Amino acid sequence: MKRTGPTNPYLKQLIEELKKSSREMKAPIWFALAEKLEKPRRKRVEVNLSRIQRYSQPNETVVVPGVVLGSGELKKQVRVAAWRFSESAKKKIEKAGGKCLSIWDLMKENPKGSNVKILT
């Protein structure tokens, strides 16, 4: 059976832009993200806020190649970029003084991908 990949047109476009940016800027982080986002939905990453709290430092930028869910507490000011956020996760991140970004926005803001941690 032929592998079809994601069917969401926005996700397909994001994956292509990540690969293009990786080649142009020589930033392997964007290619790694594209590979993780290309996986089937059932294998895509779901990260709870408790994991972000555990594995991030204050004022750090973390990118999640999937969905951020609102389970747990976040007490650090962290910038989080992801494909999608649950409503409770957005509220808790902003309440802790952090910022929610799309992967697209992070790529435009930081083309080299420096000082970004991928959380899976």
C-alpha atoms as a PDB file:
ATOM      1  CA  MET A   1       0.000   0.000   0.000  1.00  0.00           C
ATOM      2  CA  LYS A   2       1.289   3.439  -0.911  1.00  0.00           C
ATOM      3  CA  ARG A   3       2.020   5.829   1.948  1.00  0.00           C
ATOM      4  CA  THR A   4       0.031   9.024   1.507  1.00  0.00           C
ATOM      5  CA  GLY A   5       1.279  11.238   4.328  1.00  0.00           C
ATOM      6  CA  PRO A   6      -0.739  14.047   5.875  1.00  0.00           C
ATOM      7  CA  THR A   7      -3.902  15.159   4.088  1.00  0.00           C
ATOM      8  CA  ASN A   8      -4.221  18.549   5.770  1.00  0.00           C
ATOM      9  CA  PRO A   9      -3.156  21.114   3.126  1.00  0.00           C
ATOM     10  CA  TYR A  10      -1.777  23.542   5.740  1.00  0.00           C
ATOM     11  CA  LEU A  11       0.345  20.800   7.273  1.00  0.00           C
ATOM     12  CA  LYS A  12       1.636  19.751   3.838  1.00  0.00           C
ATOM     13  CA  GLN A  13       2.594  23.346   3.096  1.00  0.00           C
ATOM     14  CA  LEU A  14       4.314  23.708   6.480  1.00  0.00           C
ATOM     15  CA  ILE A  15       6.326  20.515   5.895  1.00  0.00           C
ATOM     16  CA  GLU A  16       7.476  21.761   2.486  1.00  0.00           C
ATOM     17  CA  GLU A  17       8.447  25.162   3.936  1.00  0.00           C
ATOM     18  CA  LEU A  18      10.365  23.482   6.771  1.00  0.00           C
ATOM     19  CA  LYS A  19      12.351  21.371   4.305  1.00  0.00           C
ATOM     20  CA  LYS A  20      13.010  24.381   2.078  1.00  0.00           C
ATOM     21  CA  SER A  21      14.161  26.500   5.015  1.00  0.00           C
ATOM     22  CA  SER A  22      16.378  23.663   6.219  1.00  0.00           C
ATOM     23  CA  ARG A  23      18.154  23.528   2.853  1.00  0.00           C
ATOM     24  CA  GLU A  24      18.458  27.303   2.422  1.00  0.00           C
ATOM     25  CA  MET A  25      19.578  28.152   5.948  1.00  0.00           C
ATOM     26  CA  LYS A  26      21.526  24.930   6.534  1.00  0.00           C
ATOM     27  CA  ALA A  27      19.477  24.371   9.685  1.00  0.00           C
ATOM     28  CA  PRO A  28      18.916  20.636  10.303  1.00  0.00           C
ATOM     29  CA  ILE A  29      16.375  21.332  13.061  1.00  0.00           C
ATOM     30  CA  TRP A  30      13.708  22.261  10.485  1.00  0.00           C
ATOM     31  CA  PHE A  31      14.260  19.038   8.526  1.00  0.00           C
ATOM     32  CA  ALA A  32      13.968  16.993  11.730  1.00  0.00           C
ATOM     33  CA  LEU A  33      10.673  18.739  12.518  1.00  0.00           C
ATOM     34  CA  ALA A  34       9.378  18.105   8.999  1.00  0.00           C
ATOM     35  CA  GLU A  35      10.140  14.394   9.326  1.00  0.00           C
ATOM     36  CA  LYS A  36       8.295  14.199  12.637  1.00  0.00           C
ATOM     37  CA  LEU A  37       5.269  16.063  11.248  1.00  0.00           C
ATOM     38  CA  GLU A  38       5.115  13.742   8.208  1.00  0.00           C
ATOM     39  CA  LYS A  39       4.327  10.739  10.385  1.00  0.00           C
ATOM     40  CA  PRO A  40       0.777   9.370  10.473  1.00  0.00           C
ATOM     41  CA  ARG A  41      -1.553  11.095  12.920  1.00  0.00           C
ATOM     42  CA  ARG A  42      -1.577   8.126  15.286  1.00  0.00           C
ATOM     43  CA  LYS A  43       2.222   8.395  15.629  1.00  0.00           C
ATOM     44  CA  ARG A  44       2.379  12.175  15.976  1.00  0.00           C
ATOM     45  CA  VAL A  45       3.572  13.654  19.254  1.00  0.00           C
ATOM     46  CA  GLU A  46       1.244  14.731  22.064  1.00  0.00           C
ATOM     47  CA  VAL A  47       3.008  16.585  24.884  1.00  0.00           C
ATOM     48  CA  ASN A  48       1.471  17.611  28.193  1.00  0.00           C
ATOM     49  CA  LEU A  49       2.460  20.780  30.023  1.00  0.00           C
ATOM     50  CA  SER A  50       3.938  18.650  32.809  1.00  0.00           C
ATOM     51  CA  ARG A  51       6.568  17.368  30.327  1.00  0.00           C
ATOM     52  CA  ILE A  52       7.376  20.909  29.202  1.00  0.00           C
ATOM     53  CA  GLN A  53       7.735  21.903  32.876  1.00  0.00           C
ATOM     54  CA  ARG A  54      10.075  18.957  33.512  1.00  0.00           C
ATOM     55  CA  TYR A  55      12.365  19.252  30.473  1.00  0.00           C
ATOM     56  CA  SER A  56      12.634  22.993  29.817  1.00  0.00           C
ATOM     57  CA  GLN A  57      14.458  25.879  31.424  1.00  0.00           C
ATOM     58  CA  PRO A  58      13.016  29.361  32.094  1.00  0.00           C
ATOM     59  CA  ASN A  59      13.015  31.675  29.042  1.00  0.00           C
ATOM     60  CA  GLU A  60      13.773  28.764  26.711  1.00  0.00           C
ATOM     61  CA  THR A  61      12.140  28.118  23.331  1.00  0.00           C
ATOM     62  CA  VAL A  62      10.615  24.663  22.939  1.00  0.00           C
ATOM     63  CA  VAL A  63       9.048  23.255  19.780  1.00  0.00           C
ATOM     64  CA  VAL A  64       6.580  20.354  19.757  1.00  0.00           C
ATOM     65  CA  PRO A  65       6.025  18.590  16.418  1.00  0.00           C
ATOM     66  CA  GLY A  66       2.420  17.802  17.271  1.00  0.00           C
ATOM     67  CA  VAL A  67      -0.131  18.808  19.882  1.00  0.00           C
ATOM     68  CA  VAL A  68       0.387  20.484  23.262  1.00  0.00           C
ATOM     69  CA  LEU A  69      -2.180  19.335  25.838  1.00  0.00           C
ATOM     70  CA  GLY A  70      -3.103  21.085  29.068  1.00  0.00           C
ATOM     71  CA  SER A  71      -2.501  18.309  31.595  1.00  0.00           C
ATOM     72  CA  GLY A  72      -0.193  19.400  34.392  1.00  0.00           C
ATOM     73  CA  GLU A  73       1.100  22.766  35.514  1.00  0.00           C
ATOM     74  CA  LEU A  74       3.580  25.159  33.981  1.00  0.00           C
ATOM     75  CA  LYS A  75       5.388  27.483  36.378  1.00  0.00           C
ATOM     76  CA  LYS A  76       8.153  28.672  34.040  1.00  0.00           C
ATOM     77  CA  GLN A  77       8.112  31.394  31.435  1.00  0.00           C
ATOM     78  CA  VAL A  78       8.654  29.336  28.270  1.00  0.00           C
ATOM     79  CA  ARG A  79       8.051  30.060  24.593  1.00  0.00           C
ATOM     80  CA  VAL A  80       6.292  27.057  23.082  1.00  0.00           C
ATOM     81  CA  ALA A  81       5.866  26.470  19.352  1.00  0.00           C
ATOM     82  CA  ALA A  82       3.643  23.627  18.128  1.00  0.00           C
ATOM     83  CA  TRP A  83       1.421  22.456  15.311  1.00  0.00           C
ATOM     84  CA  ARG A  84      -1.626  22.759  17.571  1.00  0.00           C
ATOM     85  CA  PHE A  85      -2.532  23.711  21.162  1.00  0.00           C
ATOM     86  CA  SER A  86      -5.506  22.736  23.306  1.00  0.00           C
ATOM     87  CA  GLU A  87      -7.392  25.709  24.767  1.00  0.00           C
ATOM     88  CA  SER A  88      -6.398  24.811  28.340  1.00  0.00           C
ATOM     89  CA  ALA A  89      -2.727  24.536  27.323  1.00  0.00           C
ATOM     90  CA  LYS A  90      -2.801  28.017  25.738  1.00  0.00           C
ATOM     91  CA  LYS A  91      -4.353  29.523  28.854  1.00  0.00           C
ATOM     92  CA  LYS A  92      -1.862  27.881  31.201  1.00  0.00           C
ATOM     93  CA  ILE A  93       1.174  28.849  29.099  1.00  0.00           C
ATOM     94  CA  GLU A  94       0.063  32.486  28.892  1.00  0.00           C
ATOM     95  CA  LYS A  95      -0.824  32.525  32.620  1.00  0.00           C
ATOM     96  CA  ALA A  96       2.755  31.404  33.425  1.00  0.00           C
ATOM     97  CA  GLY A  97       4.086  34.328  31.355  1.00  0.00           C
ATOM     98  CA  GLY A  98       5.026  32.216  28.349  1.00  0.00           C
ATOM     99  CA  LYS A  99       4.078  32.580  24.725  1.00  0.00           C
ATOM    100  CA  CYS A 100       2.340  30.228  22.262  1.00  0.00           C
ATOM    101  CA  LEU A 101       3.657  30.260  18.691  1.00  0.00           C
ATOM    102  CA  SER A 102       2.933  28.285  15.584  1.00  0.00           C
ATOM    103  CA  ILE A 103       5.890  26.441  14.058  1.00  0.00           C
ATOM    104  CA  TRP A 104       5.488  28.695  11.026  1.00  0.00           C
ATOM    105  CA  ASP A 105       5.938  31.836  13.178  1.00  0.00           C
ATOM    106  CA  LEU A 106       8.985  30.377  14.933  1.00  0.00           C
ATOM    107  CA  MET A 107      10.592  29.500  11.609  1.00  0.00           C
ATOM    108  CA  LYS A 108      10.082  33.066  10.319  1.00  0.00           C
ATOM    109  CA  GLU A 109      11.298  34.587  13.596  1.00  0.00           C
ATOM    110  CA  ASN A 110      14.363  32.330  13.977  1.00  0.00           C
ATOM    111  CA  PRO A 111      15.387  31.082  10.495  1.00  0.00           C
ATOM    112  CA  LYS A 112      18.564  29.375  11.730  1.00  0.00           C
ATOM    113  CA  GLY A 113      16.691  27.514  14.476  1.00  0.00           C
ATOM    114  CA  SER A 114      19.309  28.408  17.063  1.00  0.00           C
ATOM    115  CA  ASN A 115      18.597  27.886  20.767  1.00  0.00           C
ATOM    116  CA  VAL A 116      15.463  25.814  20.082  1.00  0.00           C
ATOM    117  CA  LYS A 117      14.774  22.493  21.795  1.00  0.00           C
ATOM    118  CA  ILE A 118      12.572  19.816  20.151  1.00  0.00           C
ATOM    119  CA  LEU A 119      10.384  18.093  22.720  1.00  0.00           C
ATOM    120  CA  THR A 120       8.908  14.712  21.791  1.00  0.00           C
END
